[in-house]
Amino acid sequence: MASRFKYESLSGGSIRALLLKPELKDGRPQLSIKTYERQNVPEYVSISYCWGQQSESEFVYLDDQPFPVRPNLFQLLLHLRHHCRAYPEWRYFWIDAICIDQNNAQEKTEQVSQMENTYRNASMIAAWLGVPVGFEDPERIGRDHTSRLSSPAFVDEIIDSPYWSRMWIVQELILAKGIILLYGHFRLPWEGVRGVLHAWSTFGKSKWRHSAALNFVYMTSEASYTQKYGRALGELMRSLESSEATDSRDRVFALIGLMEGEERKLLGTVFPDYTMSHEKVMLITMAYLKQVYAPRPFKWVVKPQQVWNNRIFRLDLETWQALWLETEGYETPHDLTNYTNVWNTKSVSRLLKIGQAKETFREQKLELKDQRAKWFEARAEALQKLSKETKR
């Protein structure tokens, strides 16, 4: 590659969108990129996909300049040209690896903080599952190939896709106006896939009942509630403990747009921030959890051995021990013990079964309205103390 694409600066109130050209150049996809104010951006489709662990061994042409991409994104763009024939209204696209300068920490921080709006405002989320392995993949005619889900072997391939292991997809799928799954040249509307996967989980193979794909089926079935009220950080972390992120800081940042309002407002004062080290993000998160949720009923979230075993964060044991000792410097508001267990009855009843198997815990029978008010006051006080410590 003689020369490479160079980004122009992007303000926090702006967004980039891509145009995918129908013809290839030297067998490679061609795109053009434009910058818009967010309120003036044309209708666009947001692409949801798995980055993968491979290096940027492929490249495409972006404004006629070589632009390195990972193999999975390269295949996505090759197939996307064909899908656009079935969806001629698909003109503009948003793809994070291209629309955000991944080497600019400040821009990445600003754009990720707007990620919730990026997904909410997209006309459609197109989720790329990869290229089929055991099935013919000719170019398909028509928009809906849900009938292929009648094949258990095909469902096996869908469920085994690395896509379902990705941390960010829960936000993308929950906030979407509409979702379509792209599997090679197959097009699978999400509502049909969700119904079939739910049915197969009941009557099909046992592995389907414990698959990451089905976990997202359950989470998106409560999308309207999550969009309106959000979820507790502890509940989100427990639900997504096995999910992966190319950047480990995204194990926290990817959840911010799904948190309930007050919690999102509080943590949003410090996150996302890609100038922070991985260790600092983990430290702040652990200290926050320890202050707000400790000592019960969320002990399982912040106990180092359990967090390590549950793979919520990925740190070596020595780093865990060092971080845990640092969090001892943060004062824990003892009065939170009486409030955290009742503010969300549904999530607490679930968490108690997981985290308190060897303990008995008597829930306080107080009015939810009064408890939530006290909960919010206590959390605000806790985070204020935490912010003072982190600014030192």
Protein backbone atom coordinates (compact mmCIF):
# COMPACT_ATOMS: atom_id res chain seq x y z
CA MET A 1 0.00 0.00 0.00
CA ALA A 2 1.67 3.18 -1.20
CA SER A 3 -0.41 5.56 0.93
CA ARG A 4 -3.05 5.22 3.62
CA PHE A 5 -6.26 7.01 4.46
CA LYS A 6 -5.96 9.90 6.94
CA TYR A 7 -8.86 11.11 9.06
CA GLU A 8 -9.93 14.72 9.36
CA SER A 9 -10.75 15.93 12.87
CA LEU A 10 -14.24 15.15 14.15
CA SER A 11 -16.12 17.24 16.71
CA GLY A 12 -18.18 15.63 19.46
CA GLY A 13 -21.43 16.70 17.82
CA SER A 14 -20.56 15.14 14.47
CA ILE A 15 -20.70 11.64 13.02
CA ARG A 16 -19.19 9.94 9.98
CA ALA A 17 -21.24 7.85 7.55
CA LEU A 18 -20.13 5.50 4.78
CA LEU A 19 -21.27 5.01 1.21
CA LEU A 20 -20.54 1.54 -0.20
CA LYS A 21 -19.85 1.53 -3.92
CA PRO A 22 -21.41 -1.34 -5.94
CA GLU A 23 -18.24 -2.13 -7.88
CA LEU A 24 -14.99 -3.62 -6.59
CA LYS A 25 -11.49 -2.31 -7.19
CA ASP A 26 -8.84 -5.01 -7.59
CA GLY A 27 -11.32 -7.39 -5.96
CA ARG A 28 -11.70 -5.15 -2.91
CA PRO A 29 -14.69 -3.14 -1.62
CA GLN A 30 -14.71 0.61 -2.17
CA LEU A 31 -16.25 3.12 0.22
CA SER A 32 -16.49 6.86 0.61
CA ILE A 33 -16.82 8.58 3.97
CA LYS A 34 -18.60 11.82 4.86
CA THR A 35 -18.96 13.87 8.03
CA TYR A 36 -22.31 15.23 9.23
CA GLU A 37 -23.70 17.06 12.20
CA ARG A 38 -25.68 14.44 14.09
CA GLN A 39 -28.97 16.26 13.62
CA ASN A 40 -28.40 16.39 9.85
CA VAL A 41 -27.04 12.91 9.14
CA PRO A 42 -29.03 11.05 6.44
CA GLU A 43 -30.80 7.79 7.25
CA TYR A 44 -28.19 5.10 7.89
CA VAL A 45 -27.85 1.42 8.77
CA SER A 46 -25.59 0.55 11.70
CA ILE A 47 -23.51 -2.60 11.24
CA SER A 48 -23.14 -4.92 14.23
CA TYR A 49 -20.35 -7.49 13.94
CA CYS A 50 -17.54 -9.25 15.75
CA TRP A 51 -14.09 -7.69 15.31
CA GLY A 52 -12.27 -10.99 15.82
CA GLN A 53 -8.79 -11.60 17.19
CA GLN A 54 -6.97 -11.48 13.87
CA SER A 55 -4.81 -8.55 12.83
CA GLU A 56 -5.71 -6.08 10.09
CA SER A 57 -4.42 -8.33 7.33
CA GLU A 58 -6.85 -7.11 4.64
CA PHE A 59 -7.58 -3.69 3.24
CA VAL A 60 -10.36 -1.87 1.42
CA TYR A 61 -10.40 1.42 -0.45
CA LEU A 62 -11.71 4.38 1.54
CA ASP A 63 -11.96 7.53 -0.57
CA ASP A 64 -9.60 5.75 -2.99
CA GLN A 65 -6.97 5.27 -0.27
CA PRO A 66 -6.03 1.87 1.22
CA PHE A 67 -7.61 1.31 4.63
CA PRO A 68 -6.61 -1.76 6.71
CA VAL A 69 -9.39 -3.96 8.09
CA ARG A 70 -9.70 -7.30 9.84
CA PRO A 71 -10.74 -10.37 7.83
CA ASN A 72 -14.28 -10.56 9.25
CA LEU A 73 -15.02 -6.94 8.30
CA PHE A 74 -13.55 -7.52 4.85
CA GLN A 75 -15.95 -10.44 4.27
CA LEU A 76 -18.82 -8.39 5.64
CA LEU A 77 -18.21 -5.60 3.13
CA LEU A 78 -17.90 -8.05 0.24
CA HIS A 79 -21.29 -9.59 1.08
CA LEU A 80 -22.93 -6.28 1.97
CA ARG A 81 -22.79 -5.21 -1.67
CA HIS A 82 -25.13 -8.08 -2.54
CA HIS A 83 -27.50 -7.38 0.36
CA CYS A 84 -27.86 -3.80 -0.86
CA ARG A 85 -29.50 -5.16 -4.01
CA ALA A 86 -32.30 -6.61 -1.88
CA TYR A 87 -32.43 -3.43 0.20
CA PRO A 88 -31.93 -0.55 -2.27
CA GLU A 89 -32.89 1.90 0.50
CA TRP A 90 -29.63 1.01 2.27
CA ARG A 91 -27.35 3.84 1.15
CA TYR A 92 -25.43 5.02 4.19
CA PHE A 93 -23.77 2.85 6.81
CA TRP A 94 -22.15 3.32 10.19
CA ILE A 95 -19.31 0.90 11.05
CA ASP A 96 -17.35 1.62 14.21
CA ALA A 97 -13.94 0.38 12.99
CA ILE A 98 -14.08 2.81 10.05
CA CYS A 99 -16.29 5.68 11.22
CA ILE A 100 -14.27 6.20 14.42
CA ASP A 101 -10.54 6.89 14.31
CA GLN A 102 -9.44 3.99 16.51
CA ASN A 103 -6.00 5.56 17.03
CA ASN A 104 -7.41 8.80 18.43
CA ALA A 105 -8.26 8.27 22.11
CA GLN A 106 -10.06 11.60 22.49
CA GLU A 107 -12.25 11.05 19.43
CA LYS A 108 -12.95 7.48 20.48
CA THR A 109 -14.03 8.67 23.93
CA GLU A 110 -16.36 11.31 22.46
CA GLN A 111 -17.91 8.95 19.91
CA VAL A 112 -18.36 6.05 22.32
CA SER A 113 -20.12 8.40 24.75
CA GLN A 114 -22.59 9.01 21.88
CA MET A 115 -22.92 5.32 21.00
CA GLU A 116 -26.38 5.03 22.53
CA ASN A 117 -27.66 7.78 20.22
CA THR A 118 -25.84 6.24 17.26
CA TYR A 119 -27.73 2.96 17.68
CA ARG A 120 -31.06 4.55 18.59
CA ASN A 121 -31.03 6.80 15.54
CA ALA A 122 -30.06 4.12 13.02
CA SER A 123 -32.91 3.09 10.74
CA MET A 124 -31.81 -0.53 11.07
CA ILE A 125 -29.17 -2.68 12.77
CA ALA A 126 -27.67 -5.21 10.35
CA ALA A 127 -25.92 -7.93 12.37
CA TRP A 128 -23.20 -9.87 10.55
CA LEU A 129 -22.84 -13.50 11.72
CA GLY A 130 -20.07 -14.44 9.30
CA VAL A 131 -19.86 -16.78 6.31
CA PRO A 132 -21.65 -20.17 6.44
CA VAL A 133 -19.36 -23.18 6.75
CA GLY A 134 -21.52 -26.21 6.03
CA PHE A 135 -24.12 -24.68 3.72
CA GLU A 136 -24.08 -23.45 0.17
CA ASP A 137 -23.91 -19.69 0.05
CA PRO A 138 -25.01 -18.56 -3.40
CA GLU A 139 -26.31 -15.05 -3.80
CA ARG A 140 -29.85 -15.12 -2.48
CA ILE A 141 -32.94 -13.52 -3.96
CA GLY A 142 -35.56 -11.97 -1.73
CA ARG A 143 -35.35 -10.46 1.72
CA ASP A 144 -36.35 -13.28 4.08
CA HIS A 145 -34.67 -16.67 4.41
CA THR A 146 -36.10 -17.60 7.82
CA SER A 147 -37.27 -20.96 6.43
CA ARG A 148 -33.66 -22.19 6.60
CA LEU A 149 -33.99 -22.15 10.40
CA SER A 150 -36.06 -25.33 10.14
CA SER A 151 -32.74 -27.16 9.73
CA PRO A 152 -31.07 -28.09 13.07
CA ALA A 153 -27.67 -28.05 11.37
CA PHE A 154 -28.28 -24.49 10.18
CA VAL A 155 -29.36 -23.45 13.69
CA ASP A 156 -26.15 -25.04 15.02
CA GLU A 157 -24.08 -22.79 12.77
CA ILE A 158 -26.06 -19.70 13.78
CA ILE A 159 -25.61 -20.44 17.48
CA ASP A 160 -21.89 -21.23 17.09
CA SER A 161 -21.14 -17.88 15.44
CA PRO A 162 -18.49 -15.85 17.33
CA TYR A 163 -20.86 -12.89 16.95
CA TRP A 164 -22.78 -13.84 20.09
CA SER A 165 -19.68 -13.58 22.27
CA ARG A 166 -19.26 -9.85 21.57
CA MET A 167 -19.86 -7.44 24.47
CA TRP A 168 -21.22 -4.51 22.47
CA ILE A 169 -24.03 -6.36 20.71
CA VAL A 170 -26.38 -6.29 23.69
CA GLN A 171 -26.58 -2.49 23.47
CA GLU A 172 -26.84 -2.57 19.69
CA LEU A 173 -29.69 -5.09 19.67
CA ILE A 174 -31.65 -3.65 22.59
CA LEU A 175 -31.59 -0.07 21.29
CA ALA A 176 -32.32 -0.95 17.64
CA LYS A 177 -35.44 0.20 15.79
CA GLY A 178 -35.20 -2.94 13.67
CA ILE A 179 -32.75 -5.84 13.29
CA ILE A 180 -31.80 -8.13 10.45
CA LEU A 181 -29.17 -10.87 10.66
CA LEU A 182 -26.82 -11.34 7.71
CA TYR A 183 -25.23 -14.78 7.40
CA GLY A 184 -23.21 -14.90 4.21
CA HIS A 185 -25.87 -14.17 1.60
CA PHE A 186 -28.70 -15.30 3.89
CA ARG A 187 -30.98 -12.60 5.31
CA LEU A 188 -32.79 -13.47 8.54
CA PRO A 189 -35.21 -11.01 10.21
CA TRP A 190 -34.52 -10.91 13.94
CA GLU A 191 -38.12 -11.47 15.06
CA GLY A 192 -38.25 -14.73 13.13
CA VAL A 193 -34.84 -15.84 14.37
CA ARG A 194 -35.71 -14.99 17.96
CA GLY A 195 -38.91 -17.02 17.81
CA VAL A 196 -37.21 -20.01 16.21
CA LEU A 197 -34.27 -19.97 18.64
CA HIS A 198 -36.66 -19.77 21.57
CA ALA A 199 -38.62 -22.75 20.26
CA TRP A 200 -35.48 -24.76 19.47
CA SER A 201 -34.15 -24.08 22.98
CA THR A 202 -37.22 -25.81 24.39
CA PHE A 203 -37.37 -28.81 22.08
CA GLY A 204 -33.88 -28.96 20.56
CA LYS A 205 -30.39 -29.81 21.74
CA SER A 206 -29.38 -29.13 25.33
CA LYS A 207 -26.49 -26.89 24.26
CA TRP A 208 -28.97 -24.48 22.67
CA ARG A 209 -30.58 -23.87 26.07
CA HIS A 210 -27.27 -22.56 27.43
CA SER A 211 -25.99 -20.72 24.37
CA ALA A 212 -24.88 -17.10 24.29
CA ALA A 213 -27.32 -16.55 21.43
CA LEU A 214 -30.27 -17.54 23.59
CA ASN A 215 -29.02 -15.25 26.36
CA PHE A 216 -29.39 -12.34 23.94
CA VAL A 217 -32.83 -13.60 22.91
CA TYR A 218 -33.94 -13.29 26.53
CA MET A 219 -32.29 -9.92 27.02
CA THR A 220 -33.83 -8.40 23.88
CA SER A 221 -37.25 -9.76 24.84
CA GLU A 222 -37.12 -7.19 27.66
CA ALA A 223 -35.79 -4.45 25.39
CA SER A 224 -38.72 -2.07 25.91
CA TYR A 225 -38.22 -2.20 29.69
CA THR A 226 -34.47 -1.71 29.39
CA GLN A 227 -34.88 1.21 26.98
CA LYS A 228 -37.29 2.92 29.36
CA TYR A 229 -35.80 2.16 32.77
CA GLY A 230 -32.34 0.70 32.23
CA ARG A 231 -30.69 -2.05 34.27
CA ALA A 232 -28.48 -2.17 37.33
CA LEU A 233 -24.76 -2.43 36.60
CA GLY A 234 -24.43 -5.55 38.75
CA GLU A 235 -27.23 -7.28 36.88
CA LEU A 236 -25.75 -6.39 33.49
CA MET A 237 -22.29 -7.59 34.46
CA ARG A 238 -23.66 -10.89 35.71
CA SER A 239 -25.70 -11.45 32.53
CA LEU A 240 -22.73 -10.70 30.27
CA GLU A 241 -19.91 -12.21 32.30
CA SER A 242 -18.85 -14.52 29.44
CA SER A 243 -18.96 -11.89 26.70
CA GLU A 244 -15.75 -10.74 25.01
CA ALA A 245 -14.35 -7.33 24.10
CA THR A 246 -11.35 -6.57 21.90
CA ASP A 247 -10.60 -3.62 24.20
CA SER A 248 -11.04 -4.83 27.77
CA ARG A 249 -12.19 -1.38 28.93
CA ASP A 250 -15.31 -1.93 26.85
CA ARG A 251 -16.40 -4.55 29.36
CA VAL A 252 -17.56 -1.53 31.36
CA PHE A 253 -18.02 1.15 28.70
CA ALA A 254 -20.34 -1.04 26.61
CA LEU A 255 -22.83 -1.19 29.49
CA ILE A 256 -23.22 2.51 30.22
CA GLY A 257 -25.99 3.08 27.67
CA LEU A 258 -28.05 0.30 29.27
CA MET A 259 -27.76 1.36 32.91
CA GLU A 260 -30.70 2.87 34.73
CA GLY A 261 -30.77 6.66 34.62
CA GLU A 262 -29.21 7.64 37.93
CA GLU A 263 -26.46 5.05 37.73
CA ARG A 264 -25.65 6.05 34.15
CA LYS A 265 -25.57 9.71 35.15
CA LEU A 266 -23.16 9.01 38.00
CA LEU A 267 -20.76 6.72 36.15
CA GLY A 268 -21.01 8.90 33.06
CA THR A 269 -19.00 11.56 34.88
CA VAL A 270 -15.89 9.38 34.55
CA PHE A 271 -16.68 6.88 31.74
CA PRO A 272 -16.03 6.32 28.91
CA ASP A 273 -12.47 7.59 28.80
CA TYR A 274 -9.99 5.81 26.53
CA THR A 275 -7.08 7.79 27.94
CA MET A 276 -7.47 5.70 31.12
CA SER A 277 -5.47 2.53 31.47
CA HIS A 278 -7.24 -0.81 31.69
CA GLU A 279 -6.20 -1.11 35.33
CA LYS A 280 -7.60 2.31 36.26
CA VAL A 281 -10.95 1.52 34.65
CA MET A 282 -11.10 -1.72 36.63
CA LEU A 283 -10.08 0.03 39.84
CA ILE A 284 -12.75 2.73 39.55
CA THR A 285 -15.39 0.15 38.66
CA MET A 286 -14.46 -2.13 41.54
CA ALA A 287 -14.38 0.76 44.00
CA TYR A 288 -17.79 1.93 42.79
CA LEU A 289 -19.29 -1.54 43.11
CA LYS A 290 -17.69 -1.97 46.50
CA GLN A 291 -19.08 1.33 47.78
CA VAL A 292 -22.54 1.04 46.34
CA TYR A 293 -23.30 -2.68 46.43
CA ALA A 294 -21.07 -3.96 49.23
CA PRO A 295 -21.21 -5.85 51.47
CA ARG A 296 -24.45 -7.60 50.48
CA PRO A 297 -26.29 -8.83 48.44
CA PHE A 298 -23.82 -8.14 45.61
CA LYS A 299 -20.78 -9.63 47.30
CA TRP A 300 -20.30 -11.99 44.35
CA VAL A 301 -19.66 -9.01 42.06
CA VAL A 302 -16.71 -7.55 43.93
CA LYS A 303 -15.07 -10.55 45.59
CA PRO A 304 -11.81 -10.97 43.62
CA GLN A 305 -11.81 -14.76 43.40
CA GLN A 306 -15.42 -14.91 42.23
CA VAL A 307 -14.97 -12.11 39.74
CA TRP A 308 -11.91 -13.89 38.38
CA ASN A 309 -13.69 -17.24 38.12
CA ASN A 310 -16.74 -15.66 36.50
CA ARG A 311 -14.51 -13.89 33.96
CA ILE A 312 -16.16 -10.51 34.48
CA PHE A 313 -12.77 -8.86 34.05
CA ARG A 314 -9.58 -10.30 32.60
CA LEU A 315 -6.64 -9.62 34.92
CA ASP A 316 -3.85 -11.78 36.25
CA LEU A 317 -4.08 -12.71 39.92
CA GLU A 318 -1.28 -10.39 41.07
CA THR A 319 -2.99 -7.42 39.43
CA TRP A 320 -6.27 -8.40 41.06
CA GLN A 321 -4.64 -8.49 44.49
CA ALA A 322 -3.01 -5.10 43.96
CA LEU A 323 -6.25 -3.48 42.79
CA TRP A 324 -8.23 -5.03 45.59
CA LEU A 325 -5.83 -3.60 48.17
CA GLU A 326 -6.16 -0.17 46.55
CA THR A 327 -9.95 -0.27 46.83
CA GLU A 328 -9.56 -0.74 50.58
CA GLY A 329 -8.75 2.96 50.69
CA TYR A 330 -12.30 3.86 49.70
CA GLU A 331 -14.80 4.26 52.50
CA THR A 332 -17.88 2.05 52.24
CA PRO A 333 -21.15 3.71 53.34
CA HIS A 334 -22.46 1.12 55.82
CA ASP A 335 -26.04 2.33 55.60
CA LEU A 336 -26.25 1.09 52.00
CA THR A 337 -26.58 -2.46 53.33
CA ASN A 338 -30.21 -1.84 54.22
CA TYR A 339 -31.18 -0.34 50.88
CA THR A 340 -29.48 -2.14 48.02
CA ASN A 341 -31.44 -5.36 48.42
CA VAL A 342 -34.91 -3.98 47.73
CA TRP A 343 -34.61 -1.23 45.13
CA ASN A 344 -35.02 -3.74 42.29
CA THR A 345 -36.98 -6.74 43.52
CA LYS A 346 -36.74 -8.69 40.27
CA SER A 347 -32.99 -8.44 39.88
CA VAL A 348 -32.31 -8.98 43.58
CA SER A 349 -34.34 -12.19 43.72
CA ARG A 350 -32.25 -13.49 40.83
CA LEU A 351 -28.95 -12.32 42.28
CA LEU A 352 -29.64 -13.72 45.72
CA LYS A 353 -29.91 -17.22 44.27
CA ILE A 354 -26.51 -16.80 42.63
CA GLY A 355 -24.50 -14.82 45.12
CA GLN A 356 -25.93 -15.87 48.47
CA ALA A 357 -26.20 -19.64 48.15
CA LYS A 358 -24.36 -20.14 51.46
CA GLU A 359 -25.82 -17.15 53.28
CA THR A 360 -29.22 -16.22 54.59
CA PHE A 361 -30.33 -12.72 53.83
CA ARG A 362 -33.51 -11.11 55.12
CA GLU A 363 -34.88 -8.54 52.67
CA GLN A 364 -36.14 -5.30 54.16
CA LYS A 365 -39.89 -4.74 53.70
CA LEU A 366 -39.92 -1.02 53.00
CA GLU A 367 -41.79 0.97 50.41
CA LEU A 368 -39.99 0.90 47.05
CA LYS A 369 -40.46 4.63 46.47
CA ASP A 370 -38.79 5.61 49.74
CA GLN A 371 -36.05 3.04 49.24
CA ARG A 372 -35.20 4.27 45.74
CA ALA A 373 -34.90 7.85 47.00
CA LYS A 374 -32.52 6.79 49.76
CA TRP A 375 -30.65 4.56 47.30
CA PHE A 376 -30.07 7.43 44.87
CA GLU A 377 -28.91 9.76 47.66
CA ALA A 378 -26.47 7.19 48.97
CA ARG A 379 -25.07 6.44 45.52
CA ALA A 380 -24.58 10.11 44.72
CA GLU A 381 -22.66 10.54 47.97
CA ALA A 382 -20.59 7.43 47.27
CA LEU A 383 -19.61 8.52 43.77
CA GLN A 384 -18.79 12.03 44.97
CA LYS A 385 -16.28 10.53 47.38
CA LEU A 386 -14.94 8.29 44.64
CA SER A 387 -14.52 11.21 42.21
CA LYS A 388 -12.47 13.14 44.76
CA GLU A 389 -10.16 10.14 45.21
CA THR A 390 -9.66 9.55 41.48
CA LYS A 391 -8.77 13.21 40.83
CA ARG A 392 -5.86 13.14 43.26
